[in-house]
N, C-alpha and C. Protein backbone atom coordinates (compact mmCIF):
# COMPACT_ATOMS: atom_id res chain seq x y z
N MET A 1 -33.27 -77.74 -35.20
CA MET A 1 -33.18 -79.18 -35.09
C MET A 1 -32.19 -79.50 -33.96
N HIS A 2 -32.55 -80.47 -33.15
CA HIS A 2 -31.68 -80.91 -32.04
C HIS A 2 -30.40 -81.52 -32.62
N PRO A 3 -29.24 -81.30 -31.95
CA PRO A 3 -27.97 -81.85 -32.47
C PRO A 3 -28.00 -83.35 -32.74
N ASN A 4 -28.68 -84.12 -31.89
CA ASN A 4 -28.76 -85.57 -32.12
C ASN A 4 -29.56 -85.89 -33.38
N GLN A 5 -30.63 -85.11 -33.61
CA GLN A 5 -31.41 -85.31 -34.83
C GLN A 5 -30.58 -84.95 -36.06
N GLN A 6 -29.79 -83.88 -35.95
CA GLN A 6 -28.94 -83.47 -37.07
C GLN A 6 -27.90 -84.53 -37.37
N ALA A 7 -27.29 -85.11 -36.31
CA ALA A 7 -26.29 -86.16 -36.50
C ALA A 7 -26.92 -87.37 -37.18
N ALA A 8 -28.13 -87.75 -36.75
CA ALA A 8 -28.81 -88.89 -37.35
C ALA A 8 -29.15 -88.60 -38.81
N THR A 9 -29.59 -87.38 -39.09
CA THR A 9 -29.91 -86.99 -40.46
C THR A 9 -28.65 -87.03 -41.33
N ASN A 10 -27.54 -86.51 -40.78
CA ASN A 10 -26.29 -86.54 -41.53
C ASN A 10 -25.86 -87.98 -41.83
N GLN A 11 -25.99 -88.88 -40.85
CA GLN A 11 -25.62 -90.27 -41.05
C GLN A 11 -26.49 -90.92 -42.12
N LEU A 12 -27.79 -90.65 -42.09
CA LEU A 12 -28.69 -91.21 -43.11
C LEU A 12 -28.33 -90.68 -44.49
N ASP A 13 -27.96 -89.39 -44.56
CA ASP A 13 -27.56 -88.81 -45.84
C ASP A 13 -26.30 -89.50 -46.37
N LEU A 14 -25.33 -89.73 -45.48
CA LEU A 14 -24.11 -90.42 -45.90
C LEU A 14 -24.42 -91.84 -46.37
N GLN A 15 -25.28 -92.55 -45.63
CA GLN A 15 -25.64 -93.91 -46.01
C GLN A 15 -26.36 -93.93 -47.35
N ALA A 16 -27.21 -92.95 -47.59
CA ALA A 16 -27.94 -92.88 -48.86
C ALA A 16 -26.97 -92.68 -50.02
N ARG A 17 -25.85 -92.00 -49.76
CA ARG A 17 -24.86 -91.78 -50.81
C ARG A 17 -23.83 -92.90 -50.87
N GLY A 18 -23.99 -93.93 -50.04
CA GLY A 18 -23.09 -95.07 -50.09
C GLY A 18 -21.83 -94.90 -49.26
N VAL A 19 -21.83 -93.93 -48.33
CA VAL A 19 -20.66 -93.71 -47.48
C VAL A 19 -20.91 -94.41 -46.15
N ASN A 20 -20.02 -95.29 -45.76
CA ASN A 20 -20.17 -96.07 -44.54
C ASN A 20 -19.15 -95.58 -43.52
N GLU A 21 -19.64 -95.14 -42.36
CA GLU A 21 -18.75 -94.62 -41.33
C GLU A 21 -18.58 -95.60 -40.17
N MET A 22 -18.71 -96.89 -40.43
CA MET A 22 -18.55 -97.88 -39.38
C MET A 22 -17.12 -97.85 -38.86
N GLU A 23 -16.96 -98.16 -37.58
CA GLU A 23 -15.61 -98.23 -37.02
C GLU A 23 -14.87 -99.41 -37.60
N GLN A 24 -13.56 -99.24 -37.69
CA GLN A 24 -12.71 -100.28 -38.25
C GLN A 24 -12.12 -101.11 -37.11
N PRO A 25 -11.95 -102.41 -37.31
CA PRO A 25 -11.29 -103.23 -36.30
C PRO A 25 -9.78 -102.96 -36.30
N ASN A 26 -9.11 -103.33 -35.23
CA ASN A 26 -7.66 -103.22 -35.21
C ASN A 26 -7.08 -104.16 -36.26
N PRO A 27 -5.98 -103.75 -36.90
CA PRO A 27 -5.39 -104.61 -37.93
C PRO A 27 -4.79 -105.87 -37.32
N THR A 28 -4.79 -106.91 -38.11
CA THR A 28 -4.15 -108.17 -37.70
C THR A 28 -2.78 -108.24 -38.36
N PHE A 29 -1.91 -109.07 -37.84
CA PHE A 29 -0.56 -109.24 -38.39
C PHE A 29 -0.44 -110.61 -39.00
N ASP A 30 0.08 -110.66 -40.23
CA ASP A 30 0.33 -111.91 -40.92
C ASP A 30 1.75 -111.84 -41.47
N PRO A 31 2.69 -112.60 -40.90
CA PRO A 31 4.08 -112.51 -41.33
C PRO A 31 4.30 -112.99 -42.76
N THR A 32 3.31 -113.62 -43.37
CA THR A 32 3.47 -114.08 -44.75
C THR A 32 3.13 -112.98 -45.77
N LYS A 33 2.61 -111.85 -45.28
CA LYS A 33 2.23 -110.76 -46.18
C LYS A 33 3.25 -109.63 -46.08
N PRO A 34 3.43 -108.89 -47.19
CA PRO A 34 4.42 -107.81 -47.18
C PRO A 34 3.95 -106.61 -46.35
N ALA A 35 4.89 -105.81 -45.90
CA ALA A 35 4.58 -104.56 -45.23
C ALA A 35 4.22 -103.52 -46.29
N ILE A 36 3.11 -102.86 -46.13
CA ILE A 36 2.65 -101.89 -47.11
C ILE A 36 3.62 -100.72 -47.25
N TRP A 37 4.24 -100.30 -46.14
CA TRP A 37 5.23 -99.22 -46.22
C TRP A 37 6.34 -99.59 -47.21
N ASP A 38 6.80 -100.83 -47.17
CA ASP A 38 7.86 -101.25 -48.10
C ASP A 38 7.39 -101.16 -49.55
N ILE A 39 6.15 -101.53 -49.78
CA ILE A 39 5.59 -101.46 -51.13
C ILE A 39 5.50 -100.00 -51.58
N VAL A 40 5.03 -99.13 -50.69
CA VAL A 40 4.89 -97.71 -51.03
C VAL A 40 6.24 -97.08 -51.32
N ILE A 41 7.25 -97.40 -50.51
CA ILE A 41 8.59 -96.85 -50.74
C ILE A 41 9.13 -97.30 -52.09
N GLU A 42 8.93 -98.55 -52.43
CA GLU A 42 9.37 -99.04 -53.75
C GLU A 42 8.59 -98.34 -54.86
N ASP A 43 7.29 -98.13 -54.66
CA ASP A 43 6.49 -97.38 -55.64
C ASP A 43 7.05 -95.97 -55.83
N MET A 44 7.46 -95.33 -54.71
CA MET A 44 8.01 -93.98 -54.79
C MET A 44 9.32 -93.98 -55.58
N ARG A 45 10.14 -94.98 -55.35
CA ARG A 45 11.39 -95.07 -56.10
C ARG A 45 11.12 -95.24 -57.60
N LEU A 46 10.13 -96.06 -57.93
CA LEU A 46 9.76 -96.27 -59.32
C LEU A 46 9.23 -94.97 -59.94
N ARG A 47 8.37 -94.25 -59.22
CA ARG A 47 7.84 -92.98 -59.73
C ARG A 47 8.95 -91.98 -59.97
N ASP A 48 9.96 -91.97 -59.07
CA ASP A 48 11.10 -91.08 -59.25
C ASP A 48 11.83 -91.42 -60.55
N ARG A 49 12.05 -92.72 -60.78
CA ARG A 49 12.74 -93.14 -62.01
C ARG A 49 11.92 -92.76 -63.25
N VAL A 50 10.62 -92.97 -63.19
CA VAL A 50 9.75 -92.60 -64.32
C VAL A 50 9.84 -91.11 -64.59
N GLY A 51 9.77 -90.31 -63.52
CA GLY A 51 9.85 -88.86 -63.69
C GLY A 51 11.18 -88.41 -64.27
N ARG A 52 12.27 -89.03 -63.81
CA ARG A 52 13.59 -88.66 -64.32
C ARG A 52 13.71 -88.99 -65.82
N VAL A 53 13.15 -90.13 -66.22
CA VAL A 53 13.18 -90.50 -67.64
C VAL A 53 12.26 -89.56 -68.44
N ARG A 54 11.06 -89.34 -67.94
CA ARG A 54 10.07 -88.54 -68.68
C ARG A 54 10.51 -87.08 -68.81
N TYR A 55 11.01 -86.49 -67.70
CA TYR A 55 11.31 -85.06 -67.70
C TYR A 55 12.81 -84.76 -67.75
N GLY A 56 13.65 -85.79 -67.67
CA GLY A 56 15.08 -85.59 -67.76
C GLY A 56 15.71 -84.98 -66.52
N THR A 57 14.98 -84.93 -65.43
CA THR A 57 15.48 -84.33 -64.19
C THR A 57 14.68 -84.86 -63.01
N PRO A 58 15.28 -84.92 -61.83
CA PRO A 58 14.49 -85.29 -60.66
C PRO A 58 13.55 -84.13 -60.28
N LEU A 59 12.54 -84.41 -59.51
CA LEU A 59 11.65 -83.36 -59.02
C LEU A 59 12.43 -82.49 -58.04
N GLN A 60 12.47 -81.20 -58.31
CA GLN A 60 13.22 -80.26 -57.48
C GLN A 60 12.35 -79.06 -57.13
N PRO A 61 12.69 -78.37 -56.04
CA PRO A 61 11.93 -77.16 -55.70
C PRO A 61 12.18 -76.04 -56.71
N ASN A 62 11.24 -75.13 -56.77
CA ASN A 62 11.36 -73.94 -57.65
C ASN A 62 11.65 -74.34 -59.10
N ASN A 63 10.88 -75.32 -59.57
CA ASN A 63 11.11 -75.84 -60.93
C ASN A 63 10.21 -75.19 -61.98
N GLY A 64 9.51 -74.13 -61.58
CA GLY A 64 8.67 -73.41 -62.54
C GLY A 64 7.22 -73.86 -62.55
N ARG A 65 6.91 -74.93 -61.83
CA ARG A 65 5.53 -75.43 -61.79
C ARG A 65 4.85 -74.94 -60.52
N ASP A 66 3.54 -74.90 -60.53
CA ASP A 66 2.75 -74.54 -59.34
C ASP A 66 2.52 -75.82 -58.55
N THR A 67 3.34 -76.05 -57.55
CA THR A 67 3.32 -77.28 -56.78
C THR A 67 1.97 -77.51 -56.11
N LEU A 68 1.40 -76.46 -55.53
CA LEU A 68 0.10 -76.61 -54.87
C LEU A 68 -0.99 -77.00 -55.87
N ARG A 69 -0.99 -76.40 -57.04
CA ARG A 69 -1.98 -76.76 -58.06
C ARG A 69 -1.79 -78.21 -58.50
N ASP A 70 -0.52 -78.61 -58.75
CA ASP A 70 -0.25 -80.00 -59.13
C ASP A 70 -0.75 -80.96 -58.06
N ALA A 71 -0.41 -80.69 -56.80
CA ALA A 71 -0.82 -81.57 -55.71
C ALA A 71 -2.34 -81.59 -55.55
N TYR A 72 -2.97 -80.43 -55.66
CA TYR A 72 -4.42 -80.35 -55.54
C TYR A 72 -5.10 -81.18 -56.63
N GLU A 73 -4.64 -81.04 -57.86
CA GLU A 73 -5.24 -81.79 -58.96
C GLU A 73 -5.00 -83.29 -58.81
N GLU A 74 -3.82 -83.68 -58.35
CA GLU A 74 -3.56 -85.09 -58.07
C GLU A 74 -4.47 -85.59 -56.95
N GLY A 75 -4.68 -84.75 -55.93
CA GLY A 75 -5.58 -85.12 -54.83
C GLY A 75 -7.01 -85.32 -55.30
N LEU A 76 -7.47 -84.46 -56.20
CA LEU A 76 -8.81 -84.63 -56.75
C LEU A 76 -8.93 -85.96 -57.50
N ASP A 77 -7.92 -86.27 -58.29
CA ASP A 77 -7.92 -87.56 -59.00
C ASP A 77 -7.97 -88.71 -58.01
N LEU A 78 -7.17 -88.61 -56.94
CA LEU A 78 -7.15 -89.66 -55.92
C LEU A 78 -8.52 -89.86 -55.30
N VAL A 79 -9.19 -88.77 -54.95
CA VAL A 79 -10.51 -88.88 -54.33
C VAL A 79 -11.49 -89.57 -55.28
N VAL A 80 -11.43 -89.25 -56.55
CA VAL A 80 -12.33 -89.87 -57.53
C VAL A 80 -12.05 -91.37 -57.63
N TYR A 81 -10.77 -91.73 -57.69
CA TYR A 81 -10.42 -93.16 -57.77
C TYR A 81 -10.85 -93.90 -56.51
N LEU A 82 -10.65 -93.28 -55.35
CA LEU A 82 -11.06 -93.92 -54.10
C LEU A 82 -12.57 -94.13 -54.05
N ARG A 83 -13.32 -93.10 -54.44
CA ARG A 83 -14.78 -93.22 -54.40
C ARG A 83 -15.26 -94.27 -55.39
N GLN A 84 -14.62 -94.34 -56.56
CA GLN A 84 -14.96 -95.37 -57.53
C GLN A 84 -14.74 -96.76 -56.94
N ALA A 85 -13.60 -96.96 -56.29
CA ALA A 85 -13.30 -98.26 -55.70
C ALA A 85 -14.29 -98.62 -54.60
N ILE A 86 -14.67 -97.65 -53.78
CA ILE A 86 -15.66 -97.90 -52.72
C ILE A 86 -16.99 -98.29 -53.35
N TRP A 87 -17.42 -97.54 -54.36
CA TRP A 87 -18.70 -97.83 -55.00
C TRP A 87 -18.69 -99.22 -55.62
N GLU A 88 -17.61 -99.56 -56.34
CA GLU A 88 -17.53 -100.87 -56.98
C GLU A 88 -17.51 -101.99 -55.94
N ARG A 89 -16.76 -101.80 -54.85
CA ARG A 89 -16.72 -102.82 -53.80
C ARG A 89 -18.10 -103.01 -53.18
N ASP A 90 -18.76 -101.90 -52.84
CA ASP A 90 -20.07 -101.99 -52.20
C ASP A 90 -21.12 -102.56 -53.16
N LYS A 91 -21.06 -102.20 -54.43
CA LYS A 91 -22.02 -102.74 -55.40
C LYS A 91 -21.83 -104.24 -55.55
N LEU A 92 -20.59 -104.70 -55.60
CA LEU A 92 -20.32 -106.13 -55.69
C LEU A 92 -20.86 -106.85 -54.46
N ALA A 93 -20.65 -106.27 -53.28
CA ALA A 93 -21.14 -106.88 -52.04
C ALA A 93 -22.67 -106.97 -52.07
N MET A 94 -23.33 -105.90 -52.50
CA MET A 94 -24.80 -105.91 -52.55
C MET A 94 -25.30 -106.93 -53.58
N GLU A 95 -24.63 -107.04 -54.71
CA GLU A 95 -25.03 -108.03 -55.72
C GLU A 95 -24.85 -109.44 -55.18
N THR A 96 -23.77 -109.68 -54.45
CA THR A 96 -23.52 -111.00 -53.86
C THR A 96 -24.59 -111.35 -52.84
N ILE A 97 -24.96 -110.38 -52.01
CA ILE A 97 -26.00 -110.60 -51.00
C ILE A 97 -27.34 -110.85 -51.68
N SER A 98 -27.66 -110.04 -52.68
CA SER A 98 -28.94 -110.20 -53.39
C SER A 98 -29.03 -111.57 -54.04
N LYS A 99 -27.94 -112.02 -54.65
CA LYS A 99 -27.93 -113.34 -55.28
C LYS A 99 -28.12 -114.43 -54.24
N ALA A 100 -27.46 -114.28 -53.08
CA ALA A 100 -27.60 -115.28 -52.02
C ALA A 100 -29.03 -115.35 -51.53
N VAL A 101 -29.67 -114.19 -51.40
CA VAL A 101 -31.07 -114.16 -50.96
C VAL A 101 -31.97 -114.80 -52.01
N ARG A 102 -31.75 -114.46 -53.28
CA ARG A 102 -32.57 -115.05 -54.36
C ARG A 102 -32.40 -116.57 -54.41
N ASP A 103 -31.17 -117.03 -54.17
CA ASP A 103 -30.86 -118.46 -54.24
C ASP A 103 -31.22 -119.19 -52.95
N GLY A 104 -31.76 -118.45 -51.98
CA GLY A 104 -32.15 -119.08 -50.71
C GLY A 104 -30.94 -119.39 -49.83
N PHE A 105 -29.91 -118.56 -49.94
CA PHE A 105 -28.67 -118.68 -49.17
C PHE A 105 -27.96 -119.90 -49.64
């Protein structure tokens, strides 16, 4: 198969599975909205506090756990949650479009 045909086939396969590879626009700036980095840093501080309360100690190296396994399993959970959110967002968009078409826009 020619490389261009393979690329087109791969794109169709991704689209059939609900994966959209469209390019993203550059982000816009709105001074009335919070910086996401600030939110993430606060989330990290909260997670640290939760961990200290739950386990009685901060997360430290060589703590007896398999760090790579823990991170890998957390990553798998993250991928599942992300895919769920994409599917739900896209399904809602398709339902909204279908309703608009049925209602004659």
